[in-house]
Amino acid sequence: GSLTLSCTASGRTIRNFDMGWFRQ
């Protein structure tokens, strides 16, 4: 099957940020 995860940031824009997903 399929699933979509979302990550929403607050506090400031993520325009200048590199983003990643990790798992454990």
mmCIF file of all heavy atoms, coordinates in Angstrom:
data_MODEL
# 
_entry.id   MODEL 
# 
loop_
_atom_site.group_PDB 
_atom_site.id 
_atom_site.type_symbol 
_atom_site.label_atom_id 
_atom_site.label_alt_id 
_atom_site.label_comp_id 
_atom_site.label_asym_id 
_atom_site.label_entity_id 
_atom_site.label_seq_id 
_atom_site.pdbx_PDB_ins_code 
_atom_site.Cartn_x 
_atom_site.Cartn_y 
_atom_site.Cartn_z 
_atom_site.occupancy 
_atom_site.B_iso_or_equiv 
_atom_site.pdbx_formal_charge 
_atom_site.auth_seq_id 
_atom_site.auth_comp_id 
_atom_site.auth_asym_id 
_atom_site.auth_atom_id 
_atom_site.pdbx_PDB_model_num 
ATOM 1   N N   . GLY A 1 1  ? 0.797  -1.205 0.000  1.00 0.00 ? 1  GLY A N   1 
ATOM 2   C CA  . GLY A 1 1  ? 0.000  0.000  0.000  1.00 0.00 ? 1  GLY A CA  1 
ATOM 3   C C   . GLY A 1 1  ? 0.836  1.264  0.000  1.00 0.00 ? 1  GLY A C   1 
ATOM 4   O O   . GLY A 1 1  ? 2.063  1.229  -0.053 1.00 0.00 ? 1  GLY A O   1 
ATOM 5   N N   . SER A 1 2  ? 0.152  2.396  0.073  1.00 0.00 ? 2  SER A N   1 
ATOM 6   C CA  . SER A 1 2  ? 0.793  3.701  0.021  1.00 0.00 ? 2  SER A CA  1 
ATOM 7   C C   . SER A 1 2  ? 0.364  4.558  1.195  1.00 0.00 ? 2  SER A C   1 
ATOM 8   O O   . SER A 1 2  ? -0.723 4.386  1.756  1.00 0.00 ? 2  SER A O   1 
ATOM 9   C CB  . SER A 1 2  ? 0.444  4.425  -1.284 1.00 0.00 ? 2  SER A CB  1 
ATOM 10  O OG  . SER A 1 2  ? 0.903  3.712  -2.415 1.00 0.00 ? 2  SER A OG  1 
ATOM 11  N N   . LEU A 1 3  ? 1.225  5.487  1.543  1.00 0.00 ? 3  LEU A N   1 
ATOM 12  C CA  . LEU A 1 3  ? 0.960  6.415  2.633  1.00 0.00 ? 3  LEU A CA  1 
ATOM 13  C C   . LEU A 1 3  ? 1.759  7.682  2.377  1.00 0.00 ? 3  LEU A C   1 
ATOM 14  O O   . LEU A 1 3  ? 2.886  7.607  1.864  1.00 0.00 ? 3  LEU A O   1 
ATOM 15  C CB  . LEU A 1 3  ? 1.368  5.787  3.960  1.00 0.00 ? 3  LEU A CB  1 
ATOM 16  C CG  . LEU A 1 3  ? 0.714  6.264  5.261  1.00 0.00 ? 3  LEU A CG  1 
ATOM 17  C CD1 . LEU A 1 3  ? -0.790 6.023  5.221  1.00 0.00 ? 3  LEU A CD1 1 
ATOM 18  C CD2 . LEU A 1 3  ? 1.337  5.540  6.441  1.00 0.00 ? 3  LEU A CD2 1 
ATOM 19  N N   . THR A 1 4  ? 1.201  8.827  2.717  1.00 0.00 ? 4  THR A N   1 
ATOM 20  C CA  . THR A 1 4  ? 1.900  10.095 2.563  1.00 0.00 ? 4  THR A CA  1 
ATOM 21  C C   . THR A 1 4  ? 2.031  10.777 3.916  1.00 0.00 ? 4  THR A C   1 
ATOM 22  O O   . THR A 1 4  ? 1.040  10.996 4.611  1.00 0.00 ? 4  THR A O   1 
ATOM 23  C CB  . THR A 1 4  ? 1.160  11.033 1.593  1.00 0.00 ? 4  THR A CB  1 
ATOM 24  O OG1 . THR A 1 4  ? 1.086  10.425 0.301  1.00 0.00 ? 4  THR A OG1 1 
ATOM 25  C CG2 . THR A 1 4  ? 1.916  12.353 1.461  1.00 0.00 ? 4  THR A CG2 1 
ATOM 26  N N   . LEU A 1 5  ? 3.258  11.092 4.291  1.00 0.00 ? 5  LEU A N   1 
ATOM 27  C CA  . LEU A 1 5  ? 3.532  11.819 5.514  1.00 0.00 ? 5  LEU A CA  1 
ATOM 28  C C   . LEU A 1 5  ? 3.714  13.297 5.207  1.00 0.00 ? 5  LEU A C   1 
ATOM 29  O O   . LEU A 1 5  ? 4.241  13.662 4.156  1.00 0.00 ? 5  LEU A O   1 
ATOM 30  C CB  . LEU A 1 5  ? 4.796  11.288 6.194  1.00 0.00 ? 5  LEU A CB  1 
ATOM 31  C CG  . LEU A 1 5  ? 4.850  9.788  6.486  1.00 0.00 ? 5  LEU A CG  1 
ATOM 32  C CD1 . LEU A 1 5  ? 6.153  9.451  7.212  1.00 0.00 ? 5  LEU A CD1 1 
ATOM 33  C CD2 . LEU A 1 5  ? 3.641  9.346  7.293  1.00 0.00 ? 5  LEU A CD2 1 
ATOM 34  N N   . SER A 1 6  ? 3.288  14.138 6.127  1.00 0.00 ? 6  SER A N   1 
ATOM 35  C CA  . SER A 1 6  ? 3.468  15.577 6.007  1.00 0.00 ? 6  SER A CA  1 
ATOM 36  C C   . SER A 1 6  ? 4.208  16.102 7.222  1.00 0.00 ? 6  SER A C   1 
ATOM 37  O O   . SER A 1 6  ? 4.053  15.586 8.325  1.00 0.00 ? 6  SER A O   1 
ATOM 38  C CB  . SER A 1 6  ? 2.121  16.293 5.887  1.00 0.00 ? 6  SER A CB  1 
ATOM 39  O OG  . SER A 1 6  ? 1.418  15.892 4.729  1.00 0.00 ? 6  SER A OG  1 
ATOM 40  N N   . CYS A 1 7  ? 5.003  17.119 7.010  1.00 0.00 ? 7  CYS A N   1 
ATOM 41  C CA  . CYS A 1 7  ? 5.715  17.793 8.089  1.00 0.00 ? 7  CYS A CA  1 
ATOM 42  C C   . CYS A 1 7  ? 5.533  19.288 7.892  1.00 0.00 ? 7  CYS A C   1 
ATOM 43  O O   . CYS A 1 7  ? 6.014  19.845 6.902  1.00 0.00 ? 7  CYS A O   1 
ATOM 44  C CB  . CYS A 1 7  ? 7.193  17.420 8.080  1.00 0.00 ? 7  CYS A CB  1 
ATOM 45  S SG  . CYS A 1 7  ? 8.229  18.374 9.219  1.00 0.00 ? 7  CYS A SG  1 
ATOM 46  N N   . THR A 1 8  ? 4.847  19.919 8.824  1.00 0.00 ? 8  THR A N   1 
ATOM 47  C CA  . THR A 1 8  ? 4.584  21.346 8.739  1.00 0.00 ? 8  THR A CA  1 
ATOM 48  C C   . THR A 1 8  ? 5.406  22.088 9.782  1.00 0.00 ? 8  THR A C   1 
ATOM 49  O O   . THR A 1 8  ? 5.428  21.707 10.951 1.00 0.00 ? 8  THR A O   1 
ATOM 50  C CB  . THR A 1 8  ? 3.092  21.640 8.937  1.00 0.00 ? 8  THR A CB  1 
ATOM 51  O OG1 . THR A 1 8  ? 2.340  21.006 7.899  1.00 0.00 ? 8  THR A OG1 1 
ATOM 52  C CG2 . THR A 1 8  ? 2.836  23.141 8.869  1.00 0.00 ? 8  THR A CG2 1 
ATOM 53  N N   . ALA A 1 9  ? 6.071  23.136 9.348  1.00 0.00 ? 9  ALA A N   1 
ATOM 54  C CA  . ALA A 1 9  ? 6.920  23.929 10.224 1.00 0.00 ? 9  ALA A CA  1 
ATOM 55  C C   . ALA A 1 9  ? 6.211  25.200 10.655 1.00 0.00 ? 9  ALA A C   1 
ATOM 56  O O   . ALA A 1 9  ? 5.426  25.780 9.903  1.00 0.00 ? 9  ALA A O   1 
ATOM 57  C CB  . ALA A 1 9  ? 8.229  24.282 9.521  1.00 0.00 ? 9  ALA A CB  1 
ATOM 58  N N   . SER A 1 10 ? 6.505  25.624 11.857 1.00 0.00 ? 10 SER A N   1 
ATOM 59  C CA  . SER A 1 10 ? 6.000  26.893 12.363 1.00 0.00 ? 10 SER A CA  1 
ATOM 60  C C   . SER A 1 10 ? 7.138  27.646 13.040 1.00 0.00 ? 10 SER A C   1 
ATOM 61  O O   . SER A 1 10 ? 8.170  27.072 13.354 1.00 0.00 ? 10 SER A O   1 
ATOM 62  C CB  . SER A 1 10 ? 4.840  26.688 13.339 1.00 0.00 ? 10 SER A CB  1 
ATOM 63  O OG  . SER A 1 10 ? 5.262  25.958 14.477 1.00 0.00 ? 10 SER A OG  1 
ATOM 64  N N   . GLY A 1 11 ? 6.938  28.915 13.257 1.00 0.00 ? 11 GLY A N   1 
ATOM 65  C CA  . GLY A 1 11 ? 7.956  29.735 13.901 1.00 0.00 ? 11 GLY A CA  1 
ATOM 66  C C   . GLY A 1 11 ? 8.733  30.591 12.926 1.00 0.00 ? 11 GLY A C   1 
ATOM 67  O O   . GLY A 1 11 ? 9.086  31.726 13.241 1.00 0.00 ? 11 GLY A O   1 
ATOM 68  N N   . ARG A 1 12 ? 9.022  30.038 11.758 1.00 0.00 ? 12 ARG A N   1 
ATOM 69  C CA  . ARG A 1 12 ? 9.705  30.766 10.704 1.00 0.00 ? 12 ARG A CA  1 
ATOM 70  C C   . ARG A 1 12 ? 9.589  29.998 9.399  1.00 0.00 ? 12 ARG A C   1 
ATOM 71  O O   . ARG A 1 12 ? 9.258  28.806 9.402  1.00 0.00 ? 12 ARG A O   1 
ATOM 72  C CB  . ARG A 1 12 ? 11.172 31.020 11.040 1.00 0.00 ? 12 ARG A CB  1 
ATOM 73  C CG  . ARG A 1 12 ? 12.000 29.766 11.235 1.00 0.00 ? 12 ARG A CG  1 
ATOM 74  C CD  . ARG A 1 12 ? 13.450 30.092 11.534 1.00 0.00 ? 12 ARG A CD  1 
ATOM 75  N NE  . ARG A 1 12 ? 14.103 30.725 10.390 1.00 0.00 ? 12 ARG A NE  1 
ATOM 76  C CZ  . ARG A 1 12 ? 15.370 31.133 10.380 1.00 0.00 ? 12 ARG A CZ  1 
ATOM 77  N NH1 . ARG A 1 12 ? 16.125 30.995 11.464 1.00 0.00 ? 12 ARG A NH1 1 
ATOM 78  N NH2 . ARG A 1 12 ? 15.884 31.685 9.292  1.00 0.00 ? 12 ARG A NH2 1 
ATOM 79  N N   . THR A 1 13 ? 9.883  30.646 8.298  1.00 0.00 ? 13 THR A N   1 
ATOM 80  C CA  . THR A 1 13 ? 9.833  29.988 7.004  1.00 0.00 ? 13 THR A CA  1 
ATOM 81  C C   . THR A 1 13 ? 10.953 28.961 6.882  1.00 0.00 ? 13 THR A C   1 
ATOM 82  O O   . THR A 1 13 ? 12.028 29.115 7.461  1.00 0.00 ? 13 THR A O   1 
ATOM 83  C CB  . THR A 1 13 ? 9.947  31.017 5.868  1.00 0.00 ? 13 THR A CB  1 
ATOM 84  O OG1 . THR A 1 13 ? 9.933  30.342 4.611  1.00 0.00 ? 13 THR A OG1 1 
ATOM 85  C CG2 . THR A 1 13 ? 11.250 31.812 5.976  1.00 0.00 ? 13 THR A CG2 1 
ATOM 86  N N   . ILE A 1 14 ? 10.690 27.894 6.126  1.00 0.00 ? 14 ILE A N   1 
ATOM 87  C CA  . ILE A 1 14 ? 11.714 26.888 5.855  1.00 0.00 ? 14 ILE A CA  1 
ATOM 88  C C   . ILE A 1 14 ? 12.350 27.111 4.493  1.00 0.00 ? 14 ILE A C   1 
ATOM 89  O O   . ILE A 1 14 ? 13.057 26.231 3.994  1.00 0.00 ? 14 ILE A O   1 
ATOM 90  C CB  . ILE A 1 14 ? 11.139 25.456 5.931  1.00 0.00 ? 14 ILE A CB  1 
ATOM 91  C CG1 . ILE A 1 14 ? 10.031 25.249 4.891  1.00 0.00 ? 14 ILE A CG1 1 
ATOM 92  C CG2 . ILE A 1 14 ? 10.637 25.146 7.335  1.00 0.00 ? 14 ILE A CG2 1 
ATOM 93  C CD1 . ILE A 1 14 ? 9.632  23.794 4.701  1.00 0.00 ? 14 ILE A CD1 1 
ATOM 94  N N   . ARG A 1 15 ? 12.133 28.260 3.908  1.00 0.00 ? 15 ARG A N   1 
ATOM 95  C CA  . ARG A 1 15 ? 12.648 28.549 2.568  1.00 0.00 ? 15 ARG A CA  1 
ATOM 96  C C   . ARG A 1 15 ? 14.149 28.301 2.465  1.00 0.00 ? 15 ARG A C   1 
ATOM 97  O O   . ARG A 1 15 ? 14.636 27.816 1.439  1.00 0.00 ? 15 ARG A O   1 
ATOM 98  C CB  . ARG A 1 15 ? 12.320 29.991 2.182  1.00 0.00 ? 15 ARG A CB  1 
ATOM 99  C CG  . ARG A 1 15 ? 12.930 30.431 0.858  1.00 0.00 ? 15 ARG A CG  1 
ATOM 100 C CD  . ARG A 1 15 ? 12.465 31.813 0.463  1.00 0.00 ? 15 ARG A CD  1 
ATOM 101 N NE  . ARG A 1 15 ? 11.052 31.822 0.134  1.00 0.00 ? 15 ARG A NE  1 
ATOM 102 C CZ  . ARG A 1 15 ? 10.374 32.893 -0.260 1.00 0.00 ? 15 ARG A CZ  1 
ATOM 103 N NH1 . ARG A 1 15 ? 11.002 34.067 -0.364 1.00 0.00 ? 15 ARG A NH1 1 
ATOM 104 N NH2 . ARG A 1 15 ? 9.097  32.811 -0.534 1.00 0.00 ? 15 ARG A NH2 1 
ATOM 105 N N   . ASN A 1 16 ? 14.893 28.641 3.508  1.00 0.00 ? 16 ASN A N   1 
ATOM 106 C CA  . ASN A 1 16 ? 16.343 28.504 3.485  1.00 0.00 ? 16 ASN A CA  1 
ATOM 107 C C   . ASN A 1 16 ? 16.847 27.284 4.256  1.00 0.00 ? 16 ASN A C   1 
ATOM 108 O O   . ASN A 1 16 ? 18.013 27.240 4.645  1.00 0.00 ? 16 ASN A O   1 
ATOM 109 C CB  . ASN A 1 16 ? 17.000 29.773 4.029  1.00 0.00 ? 16 ASN A CB  1 
ATOM 110 C CG  . ASN A 1 16 ? 16.719 30.980 3.160  1.00 0.00 ? 16 ASN A CG  1 
ATOM 111 O OD1 . ASN A 1 16 ? 16.708 30.885 1.934  1.00 0.00 ? 16 ASN A OD1 1 
ATOM 112 N ND2 . ASN A 1 16 ? 16.504 32.127 3.785  1.00 0.00 ? 16 ASN A ND2 1 
ATOM 113 N N   . PHE A 1 17 ? 15.979 26.300 4.451  1.00 0.00 ? 17 PHE A N   1 
ATOM 114 C CA  . PHE A 1 17 ? 16.329 25.099 5.200  1.00 0.00 ? 17 PHE A CA  1 
ATOM 115 C C   . PHE A 1 17 ? 16.356 23.880 4.307  1.00 0.00 ? 17 PHE A C   1 
ATOM 116 O O   . PHE A 1 17 ? 15.494 23.694 3.448  1.00 0.00 ? 17 PHE A O   1 
ATOM 117 C CB  . PHE A 1 17 ? 15.323 24.860 6.336  1.00 0.00 ? 17 PHE A CB  1 
ATOM 118 C CG  . PHE A 1 17 ? 15.538 25.727 7.539  1.00 0.00 ? 17 PHE A CG  1 
ATOM 119 C CD1 . PHE A 1 17 ? 15.237 27.074 7.509  1.00 0.00 ? 17 PHE A CD1 1 
ATOM 120 C CD2 . PHE A 1 17 ? 16.038 25.182 8.710  1.00 0.00 ? 17 PHE A CD2 1 
ATOM 121 C CE1 . PHE A 1 17 ? 15.435 27.878 8.618  1.00 0.00 ? 17 PHE A CE1 1 
ATOM 122 C CE2 . PHE A 1 17 ? 16.241 25.966 9.829  1.00 0.00 ? 17 PHE A CE2 1 
ATOM 123 C CZ  . PHE A 1 17 ? 15.940 27.314 9.787  1.00 0.00 ? 17 PHE A CZ  1 
ATOM 124 N N   . ASP A 1 18 ? 17.360 23.034 4.514  1.00 0.00 ? 18 ASP A N   1 
ATOM 125 C CA  . ASP A 1 18 ? 17.345 21.690 3.976  1.00 0.00 ? 18 ASP A CA  1 
ATOM 126 C C   . ASP A 1 18 ? 16.464 20.840 4.886  1.00 0.00 ? 18 ASP A C   1 
ATOM 127 O O   . ASP A 1 18 ? 16.472 21.005 6.106  1.00 0.00 ? 18 ASP A O   1 
ATOM 128 C CB  . ASP A 1 18 ? 18.751 21.093 3.935  1.00 0.00 ? 18 ASP A CB  1 
ATOM 129 C CG  . ASP A 1 18 ? 19.696 21.883 3.053  1.00 0.00 ? 18 ASP A CG  1 
ATOM 130 O OD1 . ASP A 1 18 ? 19.252 22.464 2.051  1.00 0.00 ? 18 ASP A OD1 1 
ATOM 131 O OD2 . ASP A 1 18 ? 20.911 21.905 3.375  1.00 0.00 ? 18 ASP A OD2 1 
ATOM 132 N N   . MET A 1 19 ? 15.699 19.918 4.296  1.00 0.00 ? 19 MET A N   1 
ATOM 133 C CA  . MET A 1 19 ? 14.757 19.113 5.060  1.00 0.00 ? 19 MET A CA  1 
ATOM 134 C C   . MET A 1 19 ? 15.042 17.627 4.849  1.00 0.00 ? 19 MET A C   1 
ATOM 135 O O   . MET A 1 19 ? 15.482 17.218 3.773  1.00 0.00 ? 19 MET A O   1 
ATOM 136 C CB  . MET A 1 19 ? 13.316 19.410 4.645  1.00 0.00 ? 19 MET A CB  1 
ATOM 137 C CG  . MET A 1 19 ? 12.922 20.884 4.726  1.00 0.00 ? 19 MET A CG  1 
ATOM 138 S SD  . MET A 1 19 ? 12.903 21.519 6.426  1.00 0.00 ? 19 MET A SD  1 
ATOM 139 C CE  . MET A 1 19 ? 11.571 20.548 7.130  1.00 0.00 ? 19 MET A CE  1 
ATOM 140 N N   . GLY A 1 20 ? 14.761 16.841 5.870  1.00 0.00 ? 20 GLY A N   1 
ATOM 141 C CA  . GLY A 1 20 ? 14.999 15.415 5.768  1.00 0.00 ? 20 GLY A CA  1 
ATOM 142 C C   . GLY A 1 20 ? 13.988 14.594 6.530  1.00 0.00 ? 20 GLY A C   1 
ATOM 143 O O   . GLY A 1 20 ? 13.281 15.102 7.410  1.00 0.00 ? 20 GLY A O   1 
ATOM 144 N N   . TRP A 1 21 ? 13.897 13.325 6.157  1.00 0.00 ? 21 TRP A N   1 
ATOM 145 C CA  . TRP A 1 21 ? 13.104 12.338 6.876  1.00 0.00 ? 21 TRP A CA  1 
ATOM 146 C C   . TRP A 1 21 ? 14.026 11.238 7.383  1.00 0.00 ? 21 TRP A C   1 
ATOM 147 O O   . TRP A 1 21 ? 14.895 10.751 6.643  1.00 0.00 ? 21 TRP A O   1 
ATOM 148 C CB  . TRP A 1 21 ? 12.027 11.715 5.986  1.00 0.00 ? 21 TRP A CB  1 
ATOM 149 C CG  . TRP A 1 21 ? 10.869 12.622 5.684  1.00 0.00 ? 21 TRP A CG  1 
ATOM 150 C CD1 . TRP A 1 21 ? 10.685 13.390 4.582  1.00 0.00 ? 21 TRP A CD1 1 
ATOM 151 C CD2 . TRP A 1 21 ? 9.716  12.826 6.514  1.00 0.00 ? 21 TRP A CD2 1 
ATOM 152 N NE1 . TRP A 1 21 ? 9.490  14.066 4.659  1.00 0.00 ? 21 TRP A NE1 1 
ATOM 153 C CE2 . TRP A 1 21 ? 8.879  13.742 5.833  1.00 0.00 ? 21 TRP A CE2 1 
ATOM 154 C CE3 . TRP A 1 21 ? 9.312  12.330 7.756  1.00 0.00 ? 21 TRP A CE3 1 
ATOM 155 C CZ2 . TRP A 1 21 ? 7.657  14.168 6.359  1.00 0.00 ? 21 TRP A CZ2 1 
ATOM 156 C CZ3 . TRP A 1 21 ? 8.103  12.752 8.279  1.00 0.00 ? 21 TRP A CZ3 1 
ATOM 157 C CH2 . TRP A 1 21 ? 7.290  13.656 7.585  1.00 0.00 ? 21 TRP A CH2 1 
ATOM 158 N N   . PHE A 1 22 ? 13.823 10.849 8.623  1.00 0.00 ? 22 PHE A N   1 
ATOM 159 C CA  . PHE A 1 22 ? 14.543 9.759  9.255  1.00 0.00 ? 22 PHE A CA  1 
ATOM 160 C C   . PHE A 1 22 ? 13.530 8.813  9.874  1.00 0.00 ? 22 PHE A C   1 
ATOM 161 O O   . PHE A 1 22 ? 12.368 9.173  10.059 1.00 0.00 ? 22 PHE A O   1 
ATOM 162 C CB  . PHE A 1 22 ? 15.500 10.290 10.330 1.00 0.00 ? 22 PHE A CB  1 
ATOM 163 C CG  . PHE A 1 22 ? 16.590 11.175 9.794  1.00 0.00 ? 22 PHE A CG  1 
ATOM 164 C CD1 . PHE A 1 22 ? 16.324 12.485 9.416  1.00 0.00 ? 22 PHE A CD1 1 
ATOM 165 C CD2 . PHE A 1 22 ? 17.885 10.702 9.668  1.00 0.00 ? 22 PHE A CD2 1 
ATOM 166 C CE1 . PHE A 1 22 ? 17.322 13.306 8.919  1.00 0.00 ? 22 PHE A CE1 1 
ATOM 167 C CE2 . PHE A 1 22 ? 18.900 11.515 9.175  1.00 0.00 ? 22 PHE A CE2 1 
ATOM 168 C CZ  . PHE A 1 22 ? 18.611 12.811 8.803  1.00 0.00 ? 22 PHE A CZ  1 
ATOM 169 N N   . ARG A 1 23 ? 13.963 7.606  10.206 1.00 0.00 ? 23 ARG A N   1 
ATOM 170 C CA  . ARG A 1 23 ? 13.061 6.671  10.859 1.00 0.00 ? 23 ARG A CA  1 
ATOM 171 C C   . ARG A 1 23 ? 13.825 5.824  11.868 1.00 0.00 ? 23 ARG A C   1 
ATOM 172 O O   . ARG A 1 23 ? 15.036 5.651  11.762 1.00 0.00 ? 23 ARG A O   1 
ATOM 173 C CB  . ARG A 1 23 ? 12.353 5.767  9.840  1.00 0.00 ? 23 ARG A CB  1 
ATOM 174 C CG  . ARG A 1 23 ? 13.263 4.791  9.101  1.00 0.00 ? 23 ARG A CG  1 
ATOM 175 C CD  . ARG A 1 23 ? 12.498 4.070  8.007  1.00 0.00 ? 23 ARG A CD  1 
ATOM 176 N NE  . ARG A 1 23 ? 13.319 3.093  7.312  1.00 0.00 ? 23 ARG A NE  1 
ATOM 177 C CZ  . ARG A 1 23 ? 12.933 2.418  6.236  1.00 0.00 ? 23 ARG A CZ  1 
ATOM 178 N NH1 . ARG A 1 23 ? 11.713 2.612  5.726  1.00 0.00 ? 23 ARG A NH1 1 
ATOM 179 N NH2 . ARG A 1 23 ? 13.753 1.539  5.673  1.00 0.00 ? 23 ARG A NH2 1 
ATOM 180 N N   . GLN A 1 24 ? 13.089 5.303  12.846 1.00 0.00 ? 24 GLN A N   1 
ATOM 181 C CA  . GLN A 1 24 ? 13.685 4.484  13.883 1.00 0.00 ? 24 GLN A CA  1 
ATOM 182 C C   . GLN A 1 24 ? 12.721 3.378  14.273 1.00 0.00 ? 24 GLN A C   1 
ATOM 183 O O   . GLN A 1 24 ? 11.596 3.646  14.690 1.00 0.00 ? 24 GLN A O   1 
ATOM 184 C CB  . GLN A 1 24 ? 14.045 5.321  15.108 1.00 0.00 ? 24 GLN A CB  1 
ATOM 185 C CG  . GLN A 1 24 ? 14.802 4.559  16.173 1.00 0.00 ? 24 GLN A CG  1 
ATOM 186 C CD  . GLN A 1 24 ? 15.347 5.476  17.248 1.00 0.00 ? 24 GLN A CD  1 
ATOM 187 O OE1 . GLN A 1 24 ? 14.825 6.562  17.483 1.00 0.00 ? 24 GLN A OE1 1 
ATOM 188 N NE2 . GLN A 1 24 ? 16.407 5.041  17.913 1.00 0.00 ? 24 GLN A NE2 1 
# 
